[in-house]
Amino acid sequence: MDGYRDSIRKVMSDLAEQSTAGTGVNRALGTVTAGAVRLIRGAECADLMLIDGERFESVAPTAAFVTELDAVQMQYGRGPCLEAALDDPVIRVPDLAREGRWPEFTAAATARGVRSVLTFQIHRCQHCAGALNVYGCAAGTFTVEDEAIGAMLAAHAAIALLAHQKAAALDSMDDRDVLGQAKGILMERFKIDATRAMQLIAARSKDANASIKSIAHDIISFISE
């Protein structure tokens, strides 16, 4: 028992350290799925299923076939992980051999040796959703205690994703600010409109084989010198 508690402390410590150190989102999510397999008794593999409209991405899978299980659920529009991502906070399936709600997923999962499933919603917004999915090879594997561990890991995954989305949004705002400043400089210097200023920046970007953001920075730096 002490060893198990030590494992919980180690995984939670790693996740906390990564969240404060600004670790990349993929590494943080990899720690979540690896932690699920390590801490949830009977878990054989795990992944994160992220959904954006009709598209999906399997993130940090600990086994290759779980990506295929995500694809089956998206193809037929039903499955425990998809249901958790879109509707239910937690779904526990004790035995797929006795499960009739998702026949396509059940057939695909049992063919790969999966008998039990534990899946958690990690975030839900207008167009995006996601779930942490944990699979076991024995029936009746997962317990209420496992749900508690999984819920903690799902919360860390949600925090990592939200932080990443916020950083991306701020970067996008910065890009627009930089481009707006560069366009304003050209408009004032050459007495042209915003459309023509954008055309000049785009042309310079193509000629120099550099990003529009880089060219905008060069324009601002040149005027500032």
C-alpha atoms as a PDB file:
ATOM      1  CA  MET A   1       0.000   0.000   0.000  1.00  0.00           C
ATOM      2  CA  ASP A   2       2.823   2.408   0.823  1.00  0.00           C
ATOM      3  CA  GLY A   3       4.350   1.807  -2.594  1.00  0.00           C
ATOM      4  CA  TYR A   4       1.036   2.572  -4.268  1.00  0.00           C
ATOM      5  CA  ARG A   5       0.641   5.791  -2.287  1.00  0.00           C
ATOM      6  CA  ASP A   6       4.186   6.754  -3.217  1.00  0.00           C
ATOM      7  CA  SER A   7       3.279   6.224  -6.879  1.00  0.00           C
ATOM      8  CA  ILE A   8       0.271   8.516  -6.508  1.00  0.00           C
ATOM      9  CA  ARG A   9       2.411  11.207  -4.880  1.00  0.00           C
ATOM     10  CA  LYS A  10       5.035  10.903  -7.633  1.00  0.00           C
ATOM     11  CA  VAL A  11       2.561  11.222 -10.497  1.00  0.00           C
ATOM     12  CA  MET A  12       0.728  14.133  -8.845  1.00  0.00           C
ATOM     13  CA  SER A  13       4.032  15.830  -8.083  1.00  0.00           C
ATOM     14  CA  ASP A  14       5.147  15.468 -11.703  1.00  0.00           C
ATOM     15  CA  LEU A  15       1.873  16.929 -12.950  1.00  0.00           C
ATOM     16  CA  ALA A  16       2.041  19.853 -10.524  1.00  0.00           C
ATOM     17  CA  GLU A  17       5.652  20.563 -11.477  1.00  0.00           C
ATOM     18  CA  GLN A  18       4.835  20.507 -15.175  1.00  0.00           C
ATOM     19  CA  SER A  19       1.897  22.871 -14.743  1.00  0.00           C
ATOM     20  CA  THR A  20       4.025  25.447 -12.917  1.00  0.00           C
ATOM     21  CA  ALA A  21       7.071  25.033 -15.163  1.00  0.00           C
ATOM     22  CA  GLY A  22       5.165  25.677 -18.388  1.00  0.00           C
ATOM     23  CA  THR A  23       5.916  22.214 -19.767  1.00  0.00           C
ATOM     24  CA  GLY A  24       4.567  21.544 -23.257  1.00  0.00           C
ATOM     25  CA  VAL A  25       0.984  20.300 -23.388  1.00  0.00           C
ATOM     26  CA  ASN A  26       1.890  17.009 -25.096  1.00  0.00           C
ATOM     27  CA  ARG A  27       4.311  16.089 -22.328  1.00  0.00           C
ATOM     28  CA  ALA A  28       1.773  16.969 -19.649  1.00  0.00           C
ATOM     29  CA  LEU A  29      -0.929  14.891 -21.326  1.00  0.00           C
ATOM     30  CA  GLY A  30       1.525  12.028 -21.748  1.00  0.00           C
ATOM     31  CA  THR A  31       2.101  12.112 -17.999  1.00  0.00           C
ATOM     32  CA  VAL A  32      -1.673  11.911 -17.478  1.00  0.00           C
ATOM     33  CA  THR A  33      -2.185   8.792 -19.622  1.00  0.00           C
ATOM     34  CA  ALA A  34       0.965   7.097 -18.316  1.00  0.00           C
ATOM     35  CA  GLY A  35      -0.185   7.949 -14.793  1.00  0.00           C
ATOM     36  CA  ALA A  36      -3.610   6.400 -15.470  1.00  0.00           C
ATOM     37  CA  VAL A  37      -2.007   3.089 -16.435  1.00  0.00           C
ATOM     38  CA  ARG A  38       0.344   3.263 -13.470  1.00  0.00           C
ATOM     39  CA  LEU A  39      -2.167   4.228 -10.780  1.00  0.00           C
ATOM     40  CA  ILE A  40      -5.478   2.671 -11.835  1.00  0.00           C
ATOM     41  CA  ARG A  41      -5.350  -0.987 -10.915  1.00  0.00           C
ATOM     42  CA  GLY A  42      -6.104  -3.261 -13.846  1.00  0.00           C
ATOM     43  CA  ALA A  43      -5.585  -0.521 -16.430  1.00  0.00           C
ATOM     44  CA  GLU A  44      -3.789  -1.866 -19.481  1.00  0.00           C
ATOM     45  CA  CYS A  45      -3.766   1.259 -21.641  1.00  0.00           C
ATOM     46  CA  ALA A  46      -5.149   4.784 -21.883  1.00  0.00           C
ATOM     47  CA  ASP A  47      -5.431   7.805 -24.150  1.00  0.00           C
ATOM     48  CA  LEU A  48      -7.073  11.204 -24.471  1.00  0.00           C
ATOM     49  CA  MET A  49      -9.697  11.679 -27.159  1.00  0.00           C
ATOM     50  CA  LEU A  50     -10.060  15.315 -28.240  1.00  0.00           C
ATOM     51  CA  ILE A  51     -12.985  16.287 -30.469  1.00  0.00           C
ATOM     52  CA  ASP A  52     -13.348  19.451 -32.529  1.00  0.00           C
ATOM     53  CA  GLY A  53     -16.585  19.340 -34.489  1.00  0.00           C
ATOM     54  CA  GLU A  54     -16.380  16.358 -36.846  1.00  0.00           C
ATOM     55  CA  ARG A  55     -12.638  15.917 -36.312  1.00  0.00           C
ATOM     56  CA  PHE A  56     -10.917  14.061 -33.522  1.00  0.00           C
ATOM     57  CA  GLU A  57      -7.400  13.429 -32.284  1.00  0.00           C
ATOM     58  CA  SER A  58      -6.080  10.606 -30.110  1.00  0.00           C
ATOM     59  CA  VAL A  59      -3.488  12.166 -27.803  1.00  0.00           C
ATOM     60  CA  ALA A  60      -0.792  10.405 -25.767  1.00  0.00           C
ATOM     61  CA  PRO A  61      -2.027   6.837 -26.374  1.00  0.00           C
ATOM     62  CA  THR A  62      -0.136   4.225 -24.365  1.00  0.00           C
ATOM     63  CA  ALA A  63      -1.035   1.525 -26.920  1.00  0.00           C
ATOM     64  CA  ALA A  64      -1.532   1.883 -30.676  1.00  0.00           C
ATOM     65  CA  PHE A  65      -4.931   0.185 -30.858  1.00  0.00           C
ATOM     66  CA  VAL A  66      -6.702   2.727 -28.635  1.00  0.00           C
ATOM     67  CA  THR A  67      -6.484   5.209 -31.508  1.00  0.00           C
ATOM     68  CA  GLU A  68      -8.445   2.707 -33.585  1.00  0.00           C
ATOM     69  CA  LEU A  69     -11.107   2.491 -30.881  1.00  0.00           C
ATOM     70  CA  ASP A  70     -11.462   6.288 -30.959  1.00  0.00           C
ATOM     71  CA  ALA A  71     -11.863   6.146 -34.741  1.00  0.00           C
ATOM     72  CA  VAL A  72     -14.604   3.492 -34.508  1.00  0.00           C
ATOM     73  CA  GLN A  73     -16.571   5.673 -32.108  1.00  0.00           C
ATOM     74  CA  MET A  74     -16.279   8.725 -34.329  1.00  0.00           C
ATOM     75  CA  GLN A  75     -17.197   6.708 -37.430  1.00  0.00           C
ATOM     76  CA  TYR A  76     -20.440   5.361 -35.936  1.00  0.00           C
ATOM     77  CA  GLY A  77     -21.185   8.313 -33.674  1.00  0.00           C
ATOM     78  CA  ARG A  78     -21.417   6.266 -30.501  1.00  0.00           C
ATOM     79  CA  GLY A  79     -19.264   4.695 -27.824  1.00  0.00           C
ATOM     80  CA  PRO A  80     -18.488   5.160 -24.118  1.00  0.00           C
ATOM     81  CA  CYS A  81     -15.605   7.599 -24.647  1.00  0.00           C
ATOM     82  CA  LEU A  82     -17.577   9.716 -27.100  1.00  0.00           C
ATOM     83  CA  GLU A  83     -20.549   9.692 -24.730  1.00  0.00           C
ATOM     84  CA  ALA A  84     -18.379  10.793 -21.817  1.00  0.00           C
ATOM     85  CA  ALA A  85     -16.759  13.555 -23.874  1.00  0.00           C
ATOM     86  CA  LEU A  86     -20.109  14.953 -24.986  1.00  0.00           C
ATOM     87  CA  ASP A  87     -22.526  14.157 -22.162  1.00  0.00           C
ATOM     88  CA  ASP A  88     -21.628  12.162 -19.038  1.00  0.00           C
ATOM     89  CA  PRO A  89     -18.808  13.197 -16.669  1.00  0.00           C
ATOM     90  CA  VAL A  90     -17.865   9.572 -15.914  1.00  0.00           C
ATOM     91  CA  ILE A  91     -18.741   6.245 -17.548  1.00  0.00           C
ATOM     92  CA  ARG A  92     -17.678   2.918 -16.092  1.00  0.00           C
ATOM     93  CA  VAL A  93     -18.300  -0.240 -18.118  1.00  0.00           C
ATOM     94  CA  PRO A  94     -17.699  -3.335 -15.961  1.00  0.00           C
ATOM     95  CA  ASP A  95     -17.957  -5.914 -18.754  1.00  0.00           C
ATOM     96  CA  LEU A  96     -18.222  -5.242 -22.477  1.00  0.00           C
ATOM     97  CA  ALA A  97     -19.412  -8.811 -23.019  1.00  0.00           C
ATOM     98  CA  ARG A  98     -22.653  -7.767 -21.290  1.00  0.00           C
ATOM     99  CA  GLU A  99     -22.876  -4.340 -22.935  1.00  0.00           C
ATOM    100  CA  GLY A 100     -25.329  -3.638 -25.769  1.00  0.00           C
ATOM    101  CA  ARG A 101     -25.295   0.157 -26.138  1.00  0.00           C
ATOM    102  CA  TRP A 102     -22.361   0.482 -28.548  1.00  0.00           C
ATOM    103  CA  PRO A 103     -22.143  -2.686 -30.705  1.00  0.00           C
ATOM    104  CA  GLU A 104     -19.484  -1.435 -33.133  1.00  0.00           C
ATOM    105  CA  PHE A 105     -17.184  -0.213 -30.383  1.00  0.00           C
ATOM    106  CA  THR A 106     -17.779  -3.327 -28.280  1.00  0.00           C
ATOM    107  CA  ALA A 107     -16.885  -5.609 -31.189  1.00  0.00           C
ATOM    108  CA  ALA A 108     -13.705  -3.646 -31.934  1.00  0.00           C
ATOM    109  CA  ALA A 109     -12.649  -3.449 -28.281  1.00  0.00           C
ATOM    110  CA  THR A 110     -13.279  -7.090 -27.363  1.00  0.00           C
ATOM    111  CA  ALA A 111     -11.446  -8.199 -30.513  1.00  0.00           C
ATOM    112  CA  ARG A 112      -8.402  -6.461 -29.016  1.00  0.00           C
ATOM    113  CA  GLY A 113      -8.822  -8.048 -25.608  1.00  0.00           C
ATOM    114  CA  VAL A 114     -10.565  -5.148 -23.853  1.00  0.00           C
ATOM    115  CA  ARG A 115     -13.297  -6.118 -21.376  1.00  0.00           C
ATOM    116  CA  SER A 116     -13.722  -3.050 -19.152  1.00  0.00           C
ATOM    117  CA  VAL A 117     -13.694   0.699 -19.747  1.00  0.00           C
ATOM    118  CA  LEU A 118     -13.417   3.767 -17.530  1.00  0.00           C
ATOM    119  CA  THR A 119     -13.755   7.153 -19.212  1.00  0.00           C
ATOM    120  CA  PHE A 120     -13.905  10.740 -17.917  1.00  0.00           C
ATOM    121  CA  GLN A 121     -15.001  13.998 -19.512  1.00  0.00           C
ATOM    122  CA  ILE A 122     -12.094  16.452 -19.430  1.00  0.00           C
ATOM    123  CA  HIS A 123     -13.658  19.526 -20.966  1.00  0.00           C
ATOM    124  CA  ARG A 124     -16.722  20.598 -22.908  1.00  0.00           C
ATOM    125  CA  CYS A 125     -17.394  23.796 -24.858  1.00  0.00           C
ATOM    126  CA  GLN A 126     -19.452  24.807 -27.872  1.00  0.00           C
ATOM    127  CA  HIS A 127     -17.372  23.022 -30.512  1.00  0.00           C
ATOM    128  CA  CYS A 128     -14.757  21.086 -28.523  1.00  0.00           C
ATOM    129  CA  ALA A 129     -14.873  18.150 -26.146  1.00  0.00           C
ATOM    130  CA  GLY A 130     -12.557  15.532 -24.757  1.00  0.00           C
ATOM    131  CA  ALA A 131     -12.276  12.435 -22.603  1.00  0.00           C
ATOM    132  CA  LEU A 132      -9.622  10.500 -20.699  1.00  0.00           C
ATOM    133  CA  ASN A 133     -10.117   6.842 -21.590  1.00  0.00           C
ATOM    134  CA  VAL A 134      -8.793   3.873 -19.608  1.00  0.00           C
ATOM    135  CA  TYR A 135      -9.067   0.241 -20.726  1.00  0.00           C
ATOM    136  CA  GLY A 136      -8.737  -3.040 -18.845  1.00  0.00           C
ATOM    137  CA  CYS A 137      -8.450  -6.599 -20.130  1.00  0.00           C
ATOM    138  CA  ALA A 138     -10.453  -8.193 -17.301  1.00  0.00           C
ATOM    139  CA  ALA A 139     -14.143  -7.795 -16.506  1.00  0.00           C
ATOM    140  CA  GLY A 140     -15.030  -5.883 -13.351  1.00  0.00           C
ATOM    141  CA  THR A 141     -11.581  -4.331 -13.159  1.00  0.00           C
ATOM    142  CA  PHE A 142     -12.419  -0.786 -12.115  1.00  0.00           C
ATOM    143  CA  THR A 143     -13.760   0.406  -8.756  1.00  0.00           C
ATOM    144  CA  VAL A 144     -15.007   3.616  -7.148  1.00  0.00           C
ATOM    145  CA  GLU A 145     -11.449   4.246  -5.928  1.00  0.00           C
ATOM    146  CA  ASP A 146     -10.241   4.021  -9.518  1.00  0.00           C
ATOM    147  CA  GLU A 147     -12.873   6.583 -10.497  1.00  0.00           C
ATOM    148  CA  ALA A 148     -11.438   8.981  -7.904  1.00  0.00           C
ATOM    149  CA  ILE A 149      -7.892   8.556  -9.239  1.00  0.00           C
ATOM    150  CA  GLY A 150      -9.084   8.943 -12.812  1.00  0.00           C
ATOM    151  CA  ALA A 151     -11.057  12.068 -11.950  1.00  0.00           C
ATOM    152  CA  MET A 152      -7.918  13.686 -10.502  1.00  0.00           C
ATOM    153  CA  LEU A 153      -5.948  12.843 -13.637  1.00  0.00           C
ATOM    154  CA  ALA A 154      -8.758  14.101 -15.871  1.00  0.00           C
ATOM    155  CA  ALA A 155      -8.737  17.398 -13.966  1.00  0.00           C
ATOM    156  CA  HIS A 156      -5.001  17.781 -14.607  1.00  0.00           C
ATOM    157  CA  ALA A 157      -5.561  17.058 -18.315  1.00  0.00           C
ATOM    158  CA  ALA A 158      -8.270  19.729 -18.429  1.00  0.00           C
ATOM    159  CA  ILE A 159      -5.981  22.277 -16.753  1.00  0.00           C
ATOM    160  CA  ALA A 160      -3.154  21.522 -19.210  1.00  0.00           C
ATOM    161  CA  LEU A 161      -5.479  21.864 -22.208  1.00  0.00           C
ATOM    162  CA  LEU A 162      -7.051  25.097 -20.985  1.00  0.00           C
ATOM    163  CA  ALA A 163      -3.624  26.614 -20.287  1.00  0.00           C
ATOM    164  CA  HIS A 164      -2.475  25.639 -23.778  1.00  0.00           C
ATOM    165  CA  GLN A 165      -5.594  27.126 -25.388  1.00  0.00           C
ATOM    166  CA  LYS A 166      -5.193  30.349 -23.404  1.00  0.00           C
ATOM    167  CA  ALA A 167      -1.526  30.665 -24.416  1.00  0.00           C
ATOM    168  CA  ALA A 168      -2.422  30.065 -28.067  1.00  0.00           C
ATOM    169  CA  ALA A 169      -5.124  32.737 -27.900  1.00  0.00           C
ATOM    170  CA  LEU A 170      -2.680  35.240 -26.383  1.00  0.00           C
ATOM    171  CA  ASP A 171      -0.119  34.443 -29.091  1.00  0.00           C
ATOM    172  CA  SER A 172      -2.774  35.051 -31.723  1.00  0.00           C
ATOM    173  CA  MET A 173      -3.634  38.403 -30.157  1.00  0.00           C
ATOM    174  CA  ASP A 174       0.065  39.338 -30.099  1.00  0.00           C
ATOM    175  CA  ASP A 175       0.373  38.428 -33.773  1.00  0.00           C
ATOM    176  CA  ARG A 176      -2.559  40.660 -34.667  1.00  0.00           C
ATOM    177  CA  ASP A 177      -1.124  43.526 -32.625  1.00  0.00           C
ATOM    178  CA  VAL A 178       2.282  43.245 -34.322  1.00  0.00           C
ATOM    179  CA  LEU A 179       0.752  43.042 -37.781  1.00  0.00           C
ATOM    180  CA  GLY A 180      -1.516  45.990 -37.033  1.00  0.00           C
ATOM    181  CA  GLN A 181       1.463  48.108 -35.937  1.00  0.00           C
ATOM    182  CA  ALA A 182       3.451  47.213 -39.050  1.00  0.00           C
ATOM    183  CA  LYS A 183       0.531  48.028 -41.325  1.00  0.00           C
ATOM    184  CA  GLY A 184       0.033  51.346 -39.535  1.00  0.00           C
ATOM    185  CA  ILE A 185       3.696  52.251 -40.060  1.00  0.00           C
ATOM    186  CA  LEU A 186       3.523  51.523 -43.791  1.00  0.00           C
ATOM    187  CA  MET A 187       0.231  53.394 -44.154  1.00  0.00           C
ATOM    188  CA  GLU A 188       1.671  56.481 -42.499  1.00  0.00           C
ATOM    189  CA  ARG A 189       5.050  56.312 -44.256  1.00  0.00           C
ATOM    190  CA  PHE A 190       3.742  55.684 -47.784  1.00  0.00           C
ATOM    191  CA  LYS A 191       0.266  57.213 -47.537  1.00  0.00           C
ATOM    192  CA  ILE A 192      -1.466  53.954 -48.518  1.00  0.00           C
ATOM    193  CA  ASP A 193      -4.513  52.115 -47.221  1.00  0.00           C
ATOM    194  CA  ALA A 194      -4.584  49.006 -45.046  1.00  0.00           C
ATOM    195  CA  THR A 195      -5.149  46.648 -47.974  1.00  0.00           C
ATOM    196  CA  ARG A 196      -2.098  47.918 -49.843  1.00  0.00           C
ATOM    197  CA  ALA A 197       0.008  47.781 -46.669  1.00  0.00           C
ATOM    198  CA  MET A 198      -0.951  44.132 -46.182  1.00  0.00           C
ATOM    199  CA  GLN A 199      -0.076  43.385 -49.805  1.00  0.00           C
ATOM    200  CA  LEU A 200       3.398  44.876 -49.324  1.00  0.00           C
ATOM    201  CA  ILE A 201       4.005  42.821 -46.187  1.00  0.00           C
ATOM    202  CA  ALA A 202       2.791  39.647 -47.896  1.00  0.00           C
ATOM    203  CA  ALA A 203       4.996  40.296 -50.933  1.00  0.00           C
ATOM    204  CA  ARG A 204       8.052  40.868 -48.750  1.00  0.00           C
ATOM    205  CA  SER A 205       7.236  37.692 -46.815  1.00  0.00           C
ATOM    206  CA  LYS A 206       7.196  35.696 -50.045  1.00  0.00           C
ATOM    207  CA  ASP A 207      10.394  37.252 -51.418  1.00  0.00           C
ATOM    208  CA  ALA A 208      12.310  36.748 -48.182  1.00  0.00           C
ATOM    209  CA  ASN A 209      10.829  33.298 -47.517  1.00  0.00           C
ATOM    210  CA  ALA A 210       9.928  34.504 -44.032  1.00  0.00           C
ATOM    211  CA  SER A 211       6.723  34.548 -42.015  1.00  0.00           C
ATOM    212  CA  ILE A 212       4.420  37.562 -42.127  1.00  0.00           C
ATOM    213  CA  LYS A 213       4.922  37.935 -38.379  1.00  0.00           C
ATOM    214  CA  SER A 214       8.693  38.077 -38.874  1.00  0.00           C
ATOM    215  CA  ILE A 215       8.388  40.741 -41.570  1.00  0.00           C
ATOM    216  CA  ALA A 216       6.060  42.771 -39.352  1.00  0.00           C
ATOM    217  CA  HIS A 217       8.608  42.622 -36.535  1.00  0.00           C
ATOM    218  CA  ASP A 218      11.348  43.766 -38.971  1.00  0.00           C
ATOM    219  CA  ILE A 219       9.278  46.773 -40.026  1.00  0.00           C
ATOM    220  CA  ILE A 220       8.640  47.804 -36.426  1.00  0.00           C
ATOM    221  CA  SER A 221      12.307  47.283 -35.464  1.00  0.00           C
ATOM    222  CA  PHE A 222      13.523  49.321 -38.455  1.00  0.00           C
ATOM    223  CA  ILE A 223      11.338  52.286 -37.557  1.00  0.00           C
ATOM    224  CA  SER A 224      12.328  52.072 -33.907  1.00  0.00           C
ATOM    225  CA  GLU A 225      16.079  52.244 -34.616  1.00  0.00           C
END
